[in-house]
Amino acid sequence: RNEHTTLPERNDRILCGELFCKWSYGECR
């Protein structure tokens, strides 16, 4: 926190988001 912070702390909130997940394989056989 500093003088620019206005966000209140929360211990109970909704967690919502849009997920992007990309992975690489090793041997592809």
PDB file of all heavy atoms in Angstrom:
ATOM      1  N   ARG A   1       0.842  -1.194   0.000  1.00  0.00           N
ATOM      2  CA  ARG A   1       0.000   0.000   0.000  1.00  0.00           C
ATOM      3  C   ARG A   1       0.879   1.246   0.000  1.00  0.00           C
ATOM      4  O   ARG A   1       1.959   1.273   0.612  1.00  0.00           O
ATOM      5  CB  ARG A   1      -0.917   0.045   1.227  1.00  0.00           C
ATOM      6  CG  ARG A   1      -1.793  -1.175   1.435  1.00  0.00           C
ATOM      7  CD  ARG A   1      -2.810  -0.935   2.532  1.00  0.00           C
ATOM      8  NE  ARG A   1      -3.855  -0.044   2.051  1.00  0.00           N
ATOM      9  CZ  ARG A   1      -5.018  -0.473   1.534  1.00  0.00           C
ATOM     10  NH1 ARG A   1      -5.268  -1.768   1.457  1.00  0.00           N
ATOM     11  NH2 ARG A   1      -5.915   0.383   1.099  1.00  0.00           N
ATOM     12  N   ASN A   2       0.405   2.278  -0.703  1.00  0.00           N
ATOM     13  CA  ASN A   2       1.014   3.606  -0.591  1.00  0.00           C
ATOM     14  C   ASN A   2      -0.088   4.647  -0.764  1.00  0.00           C
ATOM     15  O   ASN A   2      -1.280   4.319  -0.699  1.00  0.00           O
ATOM     16  CB  ASN A   2       2.159   3.787  -1.600  1.00  0.00           C
ATOM     17  CG  ASN A   2       1.701   3.739  -3.046  1.00  0.00           C
ATOM     18  OD1 ASN A   2       0.497   3.724  -3.325  1.00  0.00           O
ATOM     19  ND2 ASN A   2       2.636   3.724  -3.973  1.00  0.00           N
ATOM     20  N   GLU A   3       0.298   5.888  -1.020  1.00  0.00           N
ATOM     21  CA  GLU A   3      -0.692   6.965  -1.076  1.00  0.00           C
ATOM     22  C   GLU A   3      -1.635   6.837  -2.264  1.00  0.00           C
ATOM     23  O   GLU A   3      -2.672   7.519  -2.320  1.00  0.00           O
ATOM     24  CB  GLU A   3       0.012   8.332  -1.110  1.00  0.00           C
ATOM     25  CG  GLU A   3       0.830   8.621  -2.367  1.00  0.00           C
ATOM     26  CD  GLU A   3       2.266   8.100  -2.282  1.00  0.00           C
ATOM     27  OE1 GLU A   3       2.521   7.229  -1.418  1.00  0.00           O
ATOM     28  OE2 GLU A   3       3.105   8.561  -3.081  1.00  0.00           O
ATOM     29  N   HIS A   4      -1.316   5.970  -3.236  1.00  0.00           N
ATOM     30  CA  HIS A   4      -2.172   5.801  -4.410  1.00  0.00           C
ATOM     31  C   HIS A   4      -3.133   4.622  -4.269  1.00  0.00           C
ATOM     32  O   HIS A   4      -3.918   4.351  -5.179  1.00  0.00           O
ATOM     33  CB  HIS A   4      -1.318   5.591  -5.668  1.00  0.00           C
ATOM     34  CG  HIS A   4      -0.308   6.675  -5.889  1.00  0.00           C
ATOM     35  ND1 HIS A   4      -0.647   7.984  -6.108  1.00  0.00           N
ATOM     36  CD2 HIS A   4       1.050   6.629  -5.903  1.00  0.00           C
ATOM     37  CE1 HIS A   4       0.451   8.720  -6.253  1.00  0.00           C
ATOM     38  NE2 HIS A   4       1.495   7.914  -6.141  1.00  0.00           N
ATOM     39  N   THR A   5      -3.051   3.900  -3.182  1.00  0.00           N
ATOM     40  CA  THR A   5      -3.855   2.695  -3.003  1.00  0.00           C
ATOM     41  C   THR A   5      -5.200   3.036  -2.379  1.00  0.00           C
ATOM     42  O   THR A   5      -5.248   3.638  -1.300  1.00  0.00           O
ATOM     43  CB  THR A   5      -3.120   1.676  -2.120  1.00  0.00           C
ATOM     44  OG1 THR A   5      -1.830   1.420  -2.684  1.00  0.00           O
ATOM     45  CG2 THR A   5      -3.898   0.367  -2.046  1.00  0.00           C
ATOM     46  N   THR A   6      -6.279   2.644  -3.052  1.00  0.00           N
ATOM     47  CA  THR A   6      -7.631   2.843  -2.512  1.00  0.00           C
ATOM     48  C   THR A   6      -8.365   1.519  -2.328  1.00  0.00           C
ATOM     49  O   THR A   6      -9.445   1.496  -1.746  1.00  0.00           O
ATOM     50  CB  THR A   6      -8.460   3.737  -3.453  1.00  0.00           C
ATOM     51  OG1 THR A   6      -8.543   3.117  -4.748  1.00  0.00           O
ATOM     52  CG2 THR A   6      -7.827   5.114  -3.594  1.00  0.00           C
ATOM     53  N   LEU A   7      -7.798   0.424  -2.820  1.00  0.00           N
ATOM     54  CA  LEU A   7      -8.467  -0.873  -2.758  1.00  0.00           C
ATOM     55  C   LEU A   7      -8.536  -1.372  -1.326  1.00  0.00           C
ATOM     56  O   LEU A   7      -7.512  -1.462  -0.639  1.00  0.00           O
ATOM     57  CB  LEU A   7      -7.699  -1.892  -3.622  1.00  0.00           C
ATOM     58  CG  LEU A   7      -8.309  -3.291  -3.724  1.00  0.00           C
ATOM     59  CD1 LEU A   7      -9.564  -3.252  -4.581  1.00  0.00           C
ATOM     60  CD2 LEU A   7      -7.297  -4.278  -4.311  1.00  0.00           C
ATOM     61  N   PRO A   8      -9.726  -1.739  -0.834  1.00  0.00           N
ATOM     62  CA  PRO A   8      -9.824  -2.296   0.514  1.00  0.00           C
ATOM     63  C   PRO A   8      -9.395  -3.761   0.522  1.00  0.00           C
ATOM     64  O   PRO A   8      -9.476  -4.454  -0.487  1.00  0.00           O
ATOM     65  CB  PRO A   8     -11.315  -2.166   0.834  1.00  0.00           C
ATOM     66  CG  PRO A   8     -11.998  -2.253  -0.505  1.00  0.00           C
ATOM     67  CD  PRO A   8     -11.055  -1.579  -1.472  1.00  0.00           C
ATOM     68  N   GLU A   9      -8.925  -4.221   1.676  1.00  0.00           N
ATOM     69  CA  GLU A   9      -8.591  -5.631   1.817  1.00  0.00           C
ATOM     70  C   GLU A   9      -9.873  -6.439   1.993  1.00  0.00           C
ATOM     71  O   GLU A   9     -10.836  -5.993   2.613  1.00  0.00           O
ATOM     72  CB  GLU A   9      -7.664  -5.842   3.015  1.00  0.00           C
ATOM     73  CG  GLU A   9      -6.320  -5.162   2.845  1.00  0.00           C
ATOM     74  CD  GLU A   9      -5.293  -5.648   3.842  1.00  0.00           C
ATOM     75  OE1 GLU A   9      -5.648  -6.477   4.698  1.00  0.00           O
ATOM     76  OE2 GLU A   9      -4.124  -5.224   3.752  1.00  0.00           O
ATOM     77  N   ARG A  10      -9.866  -7.649   1.411  1.00  0.00           N
ATOM     78  CA  ARG A  10     -11.047  -8.511   1.488  1.00  0.00           C
ATOM     79  C   ARG A  10     -10.605  -9.938   1.780  1.00  0.00           C
ATOM     80  O   ARG A  10      -9.612 -10.418   1.243  1.00  0.00           O
ATOM     81  CB  ARG A  10     -11.825  -8.491   0.167  1.00  0.00           C
ATOM     82  CG  ARG A  10     -12.427  -7.140  -0.194  1.00  0.00           C
ATOM     83  CD  ARG A  10     -13.131  -7.209  -1.534  1.00  0.00           C
ATOM     84  NE  ARG A  10     -13.718  -5.923  -1.913  1.00  0.00           N
ATOM     85  CZ  ARG A  10     -14.308  -5.681  -3.079  1.00  0.00           C
ATOM     86  NH1 ARG A  10     -14.384  -6.651  -3.982  1.00  0.00           N
ATOM     87  NH2 ARG A  10     -14.818  -4.500  -3.341  1.00  0.00           N
ATOM     88  N   ASN A  11     -11.382 -10.590   2.642  1.00  0.00           N
ATOM     89  CA  ASN A  11     -11.136 -12.019   2.902  1.00  0.00           C
ATOM     90  C   ASN A  11     -12.286 -12.888   2.423  1.00  0.00           C
ATOM     91  O   ASN A  11     -12.297 -14.091   2.656  1.00  0.00           O
ATOM     92  CB  ASN A  11     -10.858 -12.270   4.385  1.00  0.00           C
ATOM     93  CG  ASN A  11     -12.008 -11.806   5.272  1.00  0.00           C
ATOM     94  OD1 ASN A  11     -13.127 -11.593   4.809  1.00  0.00           O
ATOM     95  ND2 ASN A  11     -11.717 -11.635   6.553  1.00  0.00           N
ATOM     96  N   ASP A  12     -13.261 -12.262   1.756  1.00  0.00           N
ATOM     97  CA  ASP A  12     -14.375 -13.026   1.181  1.00  0.00           C
ATOM     98  C   ASP A  12     -14.882 -12.265  -0.034  1.00  0.00           C
ATOM     99  O   ASP A  12     -15.549 -11.240   0.095  1.00  0.00           O
ATOM    100  CB  ASP A  12     -15.506 -13.211   2.198  1.00  0.00           C
ATOM    101  CG  ASP A  12     -16.614 -14.109   1.653  1.00  0.00           C
ATOM    102  OD1 ASP A  12     -16.392 -14.776   0.622  1.00  0.00           O
ATOM    103  OD2 ASP A  12     -17.712 -14.128   2.252  1.00  0.00           O
ATOM    104  N   ARG A  13     -14.542 -12.760  -1.199  1.00  0.00           N
ATOM    105  CA  ARG A  13     -14.931 -12.098  -2.445  1.00  0.00           C
ATOM    106  C   ARG A  13     -15.226 -13.149  -3.502  1.00  0.00           C
ATOM    107  O   ARG A  13     -14.929 -14.330  -3.334  1.00  0.00           O
ATOM    108  CB  ARG A  13     -13.809 -11.183  -2.941  1.00  0.00           C
ATOM    109  CG  ARG A  13     -12.547 -11.946  -3.340  1.00  0.00           C
ATOM    110  CD  ARG A  13     -11.512 -11.063  -4.002  1.00  0.00           C
ATOM    111  NE  ARG A  13     -10.330 -11.858  -4.391  1.00  0.00           N
ATOM    112  CZ  ARG A  13      -9.308 -11.372  -5.084  1.00  0.00           C
ATOM    113  NH1 ARG A  13      -9.285 -10.109  -5.440  1.00  0.00           N
ATOM    114  NH2 ARG A  13      -8.291 -12.151  -5.418  1.00  0.00           N
ATOM    115  N   ILE A  14     -15.805 -12.686  -4.601  1.00  0.00           N
ATOM    116  CA  ILE A  14     -16.005 -13.549  -5.763  1.00  0.00           C
ATOM    117  C   ILE A  14     -14.701 -13.600  -6.560  1.00  0.00           C
ATOM    118  O   ILE A  14     -14.075 -12.563  -6.797  1.00  0.00           O
ATOM    119  CB  ILE A  14     -17.154 -13.025  -6.638  1.00  0.00           C
ATOM    120  CG1 ILE A  14     -18.500 -13.260  -5.941  1.00  0.00           C
ATOM    121  CG2 ILE A  14     -17.152 -13.702  -8.009  1.00  0.00           C
ATOM    122  CD1 ILE A  14     -19.687 -12.724  -6.709  1.00  0.00           C
ATOM    123  N   LEU A  15     -14.297 -14.789  -6.930  1.00  0.00           N
ATOM    124  CA  LEU A  15     -13.154 -14.950  -7.824  1.00  0.00           C
ATOM    125  C   LEU A  15     -13.699 -15.409  -9.178  1.00  0.00           C
ATOM    126  O   LEU A  15     -14.280 -16.496  -9.297  1.00  0.00           O
ATOM    127  CB  LEU A  15     -12.157 -15.964  -7.274  1.00  0.00           C
ATOM    128  CG  LEU A  15     -10.776 -16.025  -7.935  1.00  0.00           C
ATOM    129  CD1 LEU A  15      -9.740 -16.601  -6.972  1.00  0.00           C
ATOM    130  CD2 LEU A  15     -10.785 -16.859  -9.210  1.00  0.00           C
ATOM    131  N   CYS A  16     -13.546 -14.567 -10.158  1.00  0.00           N
ATOM    132  CA  CYS A  16     -14.104 -14.862 -11.479  1.00  0.00           C
ATOM    133  C   CYS A  16     -13.107 -14.428 -12.539  1.00  0.00           C
ATOM    134  O   CYS A  16     -12.447 -13.397 -12.401  1.00  0.00           O
ATOM    135  CB  CYS A  16     -15.437 -14.123 -11.668  1.00  0.00           C
ATOM    136  SG  CYS A  16     -16.223 -14.400 -13.274  1.00  0.00           S
ATOM    137  N   GLY A  17     -12.983 -15.221 -13.586  1.00  0.00           N
ATOM    138  CA  GLY A  17     -12.058 -14.852 -14.643  1.00  0.00           C
ATOM    139  C   GLY A  17     -12.190 -15.723 -15.872  1.00  0.00           C
ATOM    140  O   GLY A  17     -12.892 -16.737 -15.876  1.00  0.00           O
ATOM    141  N   GLU A  18     -11.510 -15.292 -16.896  1.00  0.00           N
ATOM    142  CA  GLU A  18     -11.462 -16.022 -18.163  1.00  0.00           C
ATOM    143  C   GLU A  18     -10.050 -16.568 -18.320  1.00  0.00           C
ATOM    144  O   GLU A  18      -9.081 -15.802 -18.329  1.00  0.00           O
ATOM    145  CB  GLU A  18     -11.836 -15.096 -19.318  1.00  0.00           C
ATOM    146  CG  GLU A  18     -12.048 -15.798 -20.644  1.00  0.00           C
ATOM    147  CD  GLU A  18     -12.606 -14.858 -21.697  1.00  0.00           C
ATOM    148  OE1 GLU A  18     -13.834 -14.748 -21.808  1.00  0.00           O
ATOM    149  OE2 GLU A  18     -11.798 -14.204 -22.379  1.00  0.00           O
ATOM    150  N   LEU A  19      -9.956 -17.877 -18.457  1.00  0.00           N
ATOM    151  CA  LEU A  19      -8.662 -18.549 -18.409  1.00  0.00           C
ATOM    152  C   LEU A  19      -8.148 -18.887 -19.806  1.00  0.00           C
ATOM    153  O   LEU A  19      -8.892 -19.350 -20.666  1.00  0.00           O
ATOM    154  CB  LEU A  19      -8.774 -19.842 -17.594  1.00  0.00           C
ATOM    155  CG  LEU A  19      -7.458 -20.540 -17.247  1.00  0.00           C
ATOM    156  CD1 LEU A  19      -6.770 -19.816 -16.098  1.00  0.00           C
ATOM    157  CD2 LEU A  19      -7.695 -21.994 -16.871  1.00  0.00           C
ATOM    158  N   PHE A  20      -6.855 -18.633 -20.003  1.00  0.00           N
ATOM    159  CA  PHE A  20      -6.111 -19.078 -21.187  1.00  0.00           C
ATOM    160  C   PHE A  20      -5.001 -19.988 -20.688  1.00  0.00           C
ATOM    161  O   PHE A  20      -4.240 -19.624 -19.787  1.00  0.00           O
ATOM    162  CB  PHE A  20      -5.524 -17.879 -21.930  1.00  0.00           C
ATOM    163  CG  PHE A  20      -4.540 -18.245 -23.015  1.00  0.00           C
ATOM    164  CD1 PHE A  20      -4.958 -18.407 -24.324  1.00  0.00           C
ATOM    165  CD2 PHE A  20      -3.188 -18.414 -22.732  1.00  0.00           C
ATOM    166  CE1 PHE A  20      -4.054 -18.730 -25.323  1.00  0.00           C
ATOM    167  CE2 PHE A  20      -2.285 -18.747 -23.725  1.00  0.00           C
ATOM    168  CZ  PHE A  20      -2.720 -18.900 -25.022  1.00  0.00           C
ATOM    169  N   CYS A  21      -4.913 -21.167 -21.253  1.00  0.00           N
ATOM    170  CA  CYS A  21      -3.915 -22.141 -20.814  1.00  0.00           C
ATOM    171  C   CYS A  21      -3.301 -22.799 -22.050  1.00  0.00           C
ATOM    172  O   CYS A  21      -4.022 -23.344 -22.896  1.00  0.00           O
ATOM    173  CB  CYS A  21      -4.578 -23.184 -19.915  1.00  0.00           C
ATOM    174  SG  CYS A  21      -3.427 -24.193 -18.983  1.00  0.00           S
ATOM    175  N   LYS A  22      -1.984 -22.748 -22.155  1.00  0.00           N
ATOM    176  CA  LYS A  22      -1.282 -23.317 -23.311  1.00  0.00           C
ATOM    177  C   LYS A  22      -0.075 -24.101 -22.816  1.00  0.00           C
ATOM    178  O   LYS A  22       0.678 -23.617 -21.973  1.00  0.00           O
ATOM    179  CB  LYS A  22      -0.829 -22.184 -24.246  1.00  0.00           C
ATOM    180  CG  LYS A  22      -0.027 -22.629 -25.459  1.00  0.00           C
ATOM    181  CD  LYS A  22       0.387 -21.418 -26.282  1.00  0.00           C
ATOM    182  CE  LYS A  22       1.296 -21.793 -27.433  1.00  0.00           C
ATOM    183  NZ  LYS A  22       1.721 -20.601 -28.214  1.00  0.00           N
ATOM    184  N   TRP A  23       0.084 -25.313 -23.338  1.00  0.00           N
ATOM    185  CA  TRP A  23       1.175 -26.163 -22.879  1.00  0.00           C
ATOM    186  C   TRP A  23       1.927 -26.750 -24.066  1.00  0.00           C
ATOM    187  O   TRP A  23       1.409 -26.858 -25.178  1.00  0.00           O
ATOM    188  CB  TRP A  23       0.650 -27.273 -21.975  1.00  0.00           C
ATOM    189  CG  TRP A  23      -0.396 -28.162 -22.587  1.00  0.00           C
ATOM    190  CD1 TRP A  23      -0.205 -29.305 -23.306  1.00  0.00           C
ATOM    191  CD2 TRP A  23      -1.824 -27.945 -22.550  1.00  0.00           C
ATOM    192  NE1 TRP A  23      -1.405 -29.828 -23.705  1.00  0.00           N
ATOM    193  CE2 TRP A  23      -2.420 -29.017 -23.260  1.00  0.00           C
ATOM    194  CE3 TRP A  23      -2.654 -26.964 -21.990  1.00  0.00           C
ATOM    195  CZ2 TRP A  23      -3.797 -29.126 -23.427  1.00  0.00           C
ATOM    196  CZ3 TRP A  23      -4.026 -27.075 -22.164  1.00  0.00           C
ATOM    197  CH2 TRP A  23      -4.581 -28.144 -22.865  1.00  0.00           C
ATOM    198  N   SER A  24       3.170 -27.157 -23.802  1.00  0.00           N
ATOM    199  CA  SER A  24       3.986 -27.782 -24.838  1.00  0.00           C
ATOM    200  C   SER A  24       4.255 -29.228 -24.456  1.00  0.00           C
ATOM    201  O   SER A  24       4.382 -29.572 -23.276  1.00  0.00           O
ATOM    202  CB  SER A  24       5.308 -27.036 -25.024  1.00  0.00           C
ATOM    203  OG  SER A  24       6.111 -27.156 -23.867  1.00  0.00           O
ATOM    204  N   TYR A  25       4.343 -30.071 -25.487  1.00  0.00           N
ATOM    205  CA  TYR A  25       4.651 -31.483 -25.290  1.00  0.00           C
ATOM    206  C   TYR A  25       6.136 -31.713 -25.516  1.00  0.00           C
ATOM    207  O   TYR A  25       6.805 -30.952 -26.222  1.00  0.00           O
ATOM    208  CB  TYR A  25       3.861 -32.347 -26.276  1.00  0.00           C
ATOM    209  CG  TYR A  25       2.368 -32.368 -26.025  1.00  0.00           C
ATOM    210  CD1 TYR A  25       1.502 -31.629 -26.822  1.00  0.00           C
ATOM    211  CD2 TYR A  25       1.826 -33.129 -25.002  1.00  0.00           C
ATOM    212  CE1 TYR A  25       0.128 -31.651 -26.604  1.00  0.00           C
ATOM    213  CE2 TYR A  25       0.459 -33.156 -24.776  1.00  0.00           C
ATOM    214  CZ  TYR A  25      -0.377 -32.416 -25.586  1.00  0.00           C
ATOM    215  OH  TYR A  25      -1.733 -32.441 -25.361  1.00  0.00           O
ATOM    216  N   GLY A  26       6.628 -32.787 -24.935  1.00  0.00           N
ATOM    217  CA  GLY A  26       7.980 -33.219 -25.240  1.00  0.00           C
ATOM    218  C   GLY A  26       7.949 -34.100 -26.475  1.00  0.00           C
ATOM    219  O   GLY A  26       7.587 -33.665 -27.560  1.00  0.00           O
ATOM    220  N   GLU A  27       8.304 -35.356 -26.329  1.00  0.00           N
ATOM    221  CA  GLU A  27       8.227 -36.302 -27.439  1.00  0.00           C
ATOM    222  C   GLU A  27       6.776 -36.470 -27.851  1.00  0.00           C
ATOM    223  O   GLU A  27       5.909 -36.743 -27.023  1.00  0.00           O
ATOM    224  CB  GLU A  27       8.811 -37.649 -27.017  1.00  0.00           C
ATOM    225  CG  GLU A  27       8.945 -38.651 -28.139  1.00  0.00           C
ATOM    226  CD  GLU A  27      10.051 -38.292 -29.115  1.00  0.00           C
ATOM    227  OE1 GLU A  27      11.015 -37.635 -28.701  1.00  0.00           O
ATOM    228  OE2 GLU A  27       9.934 -38.664 -30.294  1.00  0.00           O
ATOM    229  N   CYS A  28       6.485 -36.301 -29.137  1.00  0.00           N
ATOM    230  CA  CYS A  28       5.099 -36.301 -29.619  1.00  0.00           C
ATOM    231  C   CYS A  28       4.670 -37.644 -30.205  1.00  0.00           C
ATOM    232  O   CYS A  28       3.766 -37.698 -31.031  1.00  0.00           O
ATOM    233  CB  CYS A  28       4.908 -35.195 -30.655  1.00  0.00           C
ATOM    234  SG  CYS A  28       5.009 -33.550 -29.959  1.00  0.00           S
ATOM    235  N   ARG A  29       5.319 -38.714 -29.818  1.00  0.00           N
ATOM    236  CA  ARG A  29       4.952 -40.021 -30.343  1.00  0.00           C
ATOM    237  C   ARG A  29       4.036 -40.755 -29.373  1.00  0.00           C
ATOM    238  O   ARG A  29       4.220 -40.697 -28.162  1.00  0.00           O
ATOM    239  CB  ARG A  29       6.214 -40.852 -30.601  1.00  0.00           C
ATOM    240  CG  ARG A  29       7.137 -40.262 -31.662  1.00  0.00           C
ATOM    241  CD  ARG A  29       8.425 -41.062 -31.776  1.00  0.00           C
ATOM    242  NE  ARG A  29       9.342 -40.477 -32.739  1.00  0.00           N
ATOM    243  CZ  ARG A  29      10.586 -40.873 -32.919  1.00  0.00           C
ATOM    244  NH1 ARG A  29      11.065 -41.884 -32.199  1.00  0.00           N
ATOM    245  NH2 ARG A  29      11.359 -40.287 -33.811  1.00  0.00           N
TER     246      ARG A  29
END
